[in-house]
Amino acid sequence: MNKLEIEKTMQMNSQKRYEYFIKKVSDYEEVWSLRNEQGWVTSKLDNGSTSLNFWPTKEHAELCAMKEWKKTVAVSIDLEEFIDSWLPGIDNDGVSVSIFFNNKDSITVPVKEILNNLEQELENY
């Protein structure tokens, strides 16, 4: 990825970043998150629930490896595994999904909506 694309996408509003996420992970067939020896990074939402965080590229995830996530590394997740295992498991656990945090905000999207959007995008391939 070039630096300009990374900078521009980090400045998009959360809905545009979500749309970019769907397209990019469909293109490259992988999703990215951050983890350390304790596990995957999580956030607390305003309502007190826990959210797992995902990014479209390694570069985007690494830009968020700061503050409480400073000692984390970007790890890829195969898109098929994300769709078949991760999202159903997240839904069963009652955990939220935070898409494309940019060190300011992210968008929380219901699992069923993410699945639907990914299936629709993947039909284009």
C-alpha atoms as a PDB file:
ATOM      1  CA  MET A   1       0.000   0.000   0.000  1.00  0.00           C
ATOM      2  CA  ASN A   2       1.229   3.462  -0.686  1.00  0.00           C
ATOM      3  CA  LYS A   3       1.495   6.074   2.040  1.00  0.00           C
ATOM      4  CA  LEU A   4      -1.018   8.458   0.439  1.00  0.00           C
ATOM      5  CA  GLU A   5      -3.750   5.780   0.306  1.00  0.00           C
ATOM      6  CA  ILE A   6      -3.140   4.904   3.949  1.00  0.00           C
ATOM      7  CA  GLU A   7      -3.322   8.560   5.014  1.00  0.00           C
ATOM      8  CA  LYS A   8      -6.492   9.230   2.991  1.00  0.00           C
ATOM      9  CA  THR A   9      -8.302   6.155   4.253  1.00  0.00           C
ATOM     10  CA  MET A  10      -7.409   6.912   7.873  1.00  0.00           C
ATOM     11  CA  GLN A  11      -9.102  10.320   7.430  1.00  0.00           C
ATOM     12  CA  MET A  12     -12.371   8.981   5.967  1.00  0.00           C
ATOM     13  CA  ASN A  13     -15.487   9.000   8.107  1.00  0.00           C
ATOM     14  CA  SER A  14     -16.334   5.714   9.818  1.00  0.00           C
ATOM     15  CA  GLN A  15     -18.968   4.651   7.243  1.00  0.00           C
ATOM     16  CA  LYS A  16     -16.575   5.216   4.327  1.00  0.00           C
ATOM     17  CA  ARG A  17     -13.854   3.298   6.200  1.00  0.00           C
ATOM     18  CA  TYR A  18     -16.315   0.426   6.668  1.00  0.00           C
ATOM     19  CA  GLU A  19     -17.084   0.358   2.937  1.00  0.00           C
ATOM     20  CA  TYR A  20     -13.338   0.424   2.205  1.00  0.00           C
ATOM     21  CA  PHE A  21     -12.840  -2.440   4.697  1.00  0.00           C
ATOM     22  CA  ILE A  22     -15.427  -4.631   2.926  1.00  0.00           C
ATOM     23  CA  LYS A  23     -13.850  -4.026  -0.485  1.00  0.00           C
ATOM     24  CA  LYS A  24     -10.241  -4.394   0.641  1.00  0.00           C
ATOM     25  CA  VAL A  25     -10.690  -7.605   2.663  1.00  0.00           C
ATOM     26  CA  SER A  26     -12.656  -9.087  -0.231  1.00  0.00           C
ATOM     27  CA  ASP A  27      -9.849  -8.162  -2.644  1.00  0.00           C
ATOM     28  CA  TYR A  28      -7.040  -9.585  -0.518  1.00  0.00           C
ATOM     29  CA  GLU A  29      -9.022 -12.339   1.240  1.00  0.00           C
ATOM     30  CA  GLU A  30      -7.659 -11.454   4.659  1.00  0.00           C
ATOM     31  CA  VAL A  31      -8.650  -9.415   7.686  1.00  0.00           C
ATOM     32  CA  TRP A  32      -6.199  -7.908  10.168  1.00  0.00           C
ATOM     33  CA  SER A  33      -6.257  -7.480  13.918  1.00  0.00           C
ATOM     34  CA  LEU A  34      -3.778  -6.780  16.686  1.00  0.00           C
ATOM     35  CA  ARG A  35      -2.739  -9.209  19.376  1.00  0.00           C
ATOM     36  CA  ASN A  36      -0.201  -9.770  22.119  1.00  0.00           C
ATOM     37  CA  GLU A  37       0.558 -12.579  24.562  1.00  0.00           C
ATOM     38  CA  GLN A  38      -2.774 -11.914  26.339  1.00  0.00           C
ATOM     39  CA  GLY A  39      -4.790 -12.262  23.116  1.00  0.00           C
ATOM     40  CA  TRP A  40      -6.636 -10.104  20.603  1.00  0.00           C
ATOM     41  CA  VAL A  41      -7.168  -6.389  21.221  1.00  0.00           C
ATOM     42  CA  THR A  42     -10.551  -5.338  22.496  1.00  0.00           C
ATOM     43  CA  SER A  43     -12.317  -2.091  23.259  1.00  0.00           C
ATOM     44  CA  LYS A  44     -15.083  -1.143  25.631  1.00  0.00           C
ATOM     45  CA  LEU A  45     -18.067   0.491  23.970  1.00  0.00           C
ATOM     46  CA  ASP A  46     -20.078   3.297  25.563  1.00  0.00           C
ATOM     47  CA  ASN A  47     -22.704   0.756  26.648  1.00  0.00           C
ATOM     48  CA  GLY A  48     -20.016  -1.256  28.468  1.00  0.00           C
ATOM     49  CA  SER A  49     -19.918  -4.168  26.027  1.00  0.00           C
ATOM     50  CA  THR A  50     -16.700  -5.580  24.608  1.00  0.00           C
ATOM     51  CA  SER A  51     -15.711  -5.149  20.989  1.00  0.00           C
ATOM     52  CA  LEU A  52     -13.096  -6.969  18.897  1.00  0.00           C
ATOM     53  CA  ASN A  53     -11.214  -4.742  16.447  1.00  0.00           C
ATOM     54  CA  PHE A  54     -10.460  -5.465  12.786  1.00  0.00           C
ATOM     55  CA  TRP A  55      -8.671  -3.584   9.990  1.00  0.00           C
ATOM     56  CA  PRO A  56      -8.440  -4.027   6.217  1.00  0.00           C
ATOM     57  CA  THR A  57      -4.630  -4.104   6.005  1.00  0.00           C
ATOM     58  CA  LYS A  58      -1.565  -4.736   8.112  1.00  0.00           C
ATOM     59  CA  GLU A  59      -0.492  -1.114   7.675  1.00  0.00           C
ATOM     60  CA  HIS A  60      -3.786   0.242   9.022  1.00  0.00           C
ATOM     61  CA  ALA A  61      -3.681  -2.095  12.017  1.00  0.00           C
ATOM     62  CA  GLU A  62      -0.067  -1.193  12.799  1.00  0.00           C
ATOM     63  CA  LEU A  63      -0.933   2.522  12.870  1.00  0.00           C
ATOM     64  CA  CYS A  64      -3.209   1.741  15.819  1.00  0.00           C
ATOM     65  CA  ALA A  65      -0.605  -0.234  17.766  1.00  0.00           C
ATOM     66  CA  MET A  66      -0.133   2.559  20.284  1.00  0.00           C
ATOM     67  CA  LYS A  67      -1.103   3.482  23.852  1.00  0.00           C
ATOM     68  CA  GLU A  68      -2.700   0.409  25.464  1.00  0.00           C
ATOM     69  CA  TRP A  69      -2.049  -1.560  22.249  1.00  0.00           C
ATOM     70  CA  LYS A  70       1.608  -0.485  21.992  1.00  0.00           C
ATOM     71  CA  LYS A  71       3.024  -3.974  22.523  1.00  0.00           C
ATOM     72  CA  THR A  72       0.828  -5.707  19.963  1.00  0.00           C
ATOM     73  CA  VAL A  73       1.531  -7.073  16.502  1.00  0.00           C
ATOM     74  CA  ALA A  74      -0.664  -7.139  13.418  1.00  0.00           C
ATOM     75  CA  VAL A  75      -1.884 -10.639  12.572  1.00  0.00           C
ATOM     76  CA  SER A  76      -3.784 -11.685   9.452  1.00  0.00           C
ATOM     77  CA  ILE A  77      -6.924 -13.802   9.528  1.00  0.00           C
ATOM     78  CA  ASP A  78      -7.959 -15.677   6.402  1.00  0.00           C
ATOM     79  CA  LEU A  79     -11.217 -14.185   5.095  1.00  0.00           C
ATOM     80  CA  GLU A  80     -12.889 -17.592   4.752  1.00  0.00           C
ATOM     81  CA  GLU A  81     -12.021 -18.396   8.380  1.00  0.00           C
ATOM     82  CA  PHE A  82     -13.252 -14.931   9.428  1.00  0.00           C
ATOM     83  CA  ILE A  83     -16.598 -15.545   7.707  1.00  0.00           C
ATOM     84  CA  ASP A  84     -17.050 -19.216   8.669  1.00  0.00           C
ATOM     85  CA  SER A  85     -15.640 -19.245  12.208  1.00  0.00           C
ATOM     86  CA  TRP A  86     -14.798 -15.854  13.646  1.00  0.00           C
ATOM     87  CA  LEU A  87     -18.008 -13.951  12.938  1.00  0.00           C
ATOM     88  CA  PRO A  88     -20.371 -16.746  14.053  1.00  0.00           C
ATOM     89  CA  GLY A  89     -18.264 -17.222  17.206  1.00  0.00           C
ATOM     90  CA  ILE A  90     -18.268 -13.499  17.933  1.00  0.00           C
ATOM     91  CA  ASP A  91     -22.037 -13.415  17.448  1.00  0.00           C
ATOM     92  CA  ASN A  92     -22.538 -16.418  19.770  1.00  0.00           C
ATOM     93  CA  ASP A  93     -20.337 -14.791  22.426  1.00  0.00           C
ATOM     94  CA  GLY A  94     -22.334 -11.555  22.287  1.00  0.00           C
ATOM     95  CA  VAL A  95     -19.223  -9.531  21.444  1.00  0.00           C
ATOM     96  CA  SER A  96     -19.408  -6.503  19.156  1.00  0.00           C
ATOM     97  CA  VAL A  97     -17.305  -5.972  16.045  1.00  0.00           C
ATOM     98  CA  SER A  98     -15.380  -2.715  15.671  1.00  0.00           C
ATOM     99  CA  ILE A  99     -14.300  -2.029  12.111  1.00  0.00           C
ATOM    100  CA  PHE A 100     -11.318   0.097  11.075  1.00  0.00           C
ATOM    101  CA  PHE A 101     -10.457   2.149  14.159  1.00  0.00           C
ATOM    102  CA  ASN A 102      -8.335   5.140  13.095  1.00  0.00           C
ATOM    103  CA  ASN A 103      -7.111   6.224  16.550  1.00  0.00           C
ATOM    104  CA  LYS A 104     -10.214   8.422  16.868  1.00  0.00           C
ATOM    105  CA  ASP A 105     -13.280   6.333  16.145  1.00  0.00           C
ATOM    106  CA  SER A 106     -14.569   3.224  14.435  1.00  0.00           C
ATOM    107  CA  ILE A 107     -17.881   1.788  13.410  1.00  0.00           C
ATOM    108  CA  THR A 108     -19.604  -1.045  15.230  1.00  0.00           C
ATOM    109  CA  VAL A 109     -21.534  -3.212  12.800  1.00  0.00           C
ATOM    110  CA  PRO A 110     -23.803  -6.187  13.595  1.00  0.00           C
ATOM    111  CA  VAL A 111     -22.269  -9.519  12.591  1.00  0.00           C
ATOM    112  CA  LYS A 112     -25.151 -10.401  10.286  1.00  0.00           C
ATOM    113  CA  GLU A 113     -24.689  -7.113   8.397  1.00  0.00           C
ATOM    114  CA  ILE A 114     -20.948  -7.706   7.994  1.00  0.00           C
ATOM    115  CA  LEU A 115     -21.620 -11.216   6.696  1.00  0.00           C
ATOM    116  CA  ASN A 116     -24.233  -9.929   4.270  1.00  0.00           C
ATOM    117  CA  ASN A 117     -21.967  -7.125   3.008  1.00  0.00           C
ATOM    118  CA  LEU A 118     -19.030  -9.497   2.552  1.00  0.00           C
ATOM    119  CA  GLU A 119     -21.178 -12.063   0.696  1.00  0.00           C
ATOM    120  CA  GLN A 120     -22.507  -9.333  -1.613  1.00  0.00           C
ATOM    121  CA  GLU A 121     -19.015  -7.998  -2.311  1.00  0.00           C
ATOM    122  CA  LEU A 122     -17.584 -11.468  -2.901  1.00  0.00           C
ATOM    123  CA  GLU A 123     -20.227 -12.108  -5.565  1.00  0.00           C
ATOM    124  CA  ASN A 124     -18.311  -9.570  -7.688  1.00  0.00           C
ATOM    125  CA  TYR A 125     -15.277 -11.876  -7.866  1.00  0.00           C
END
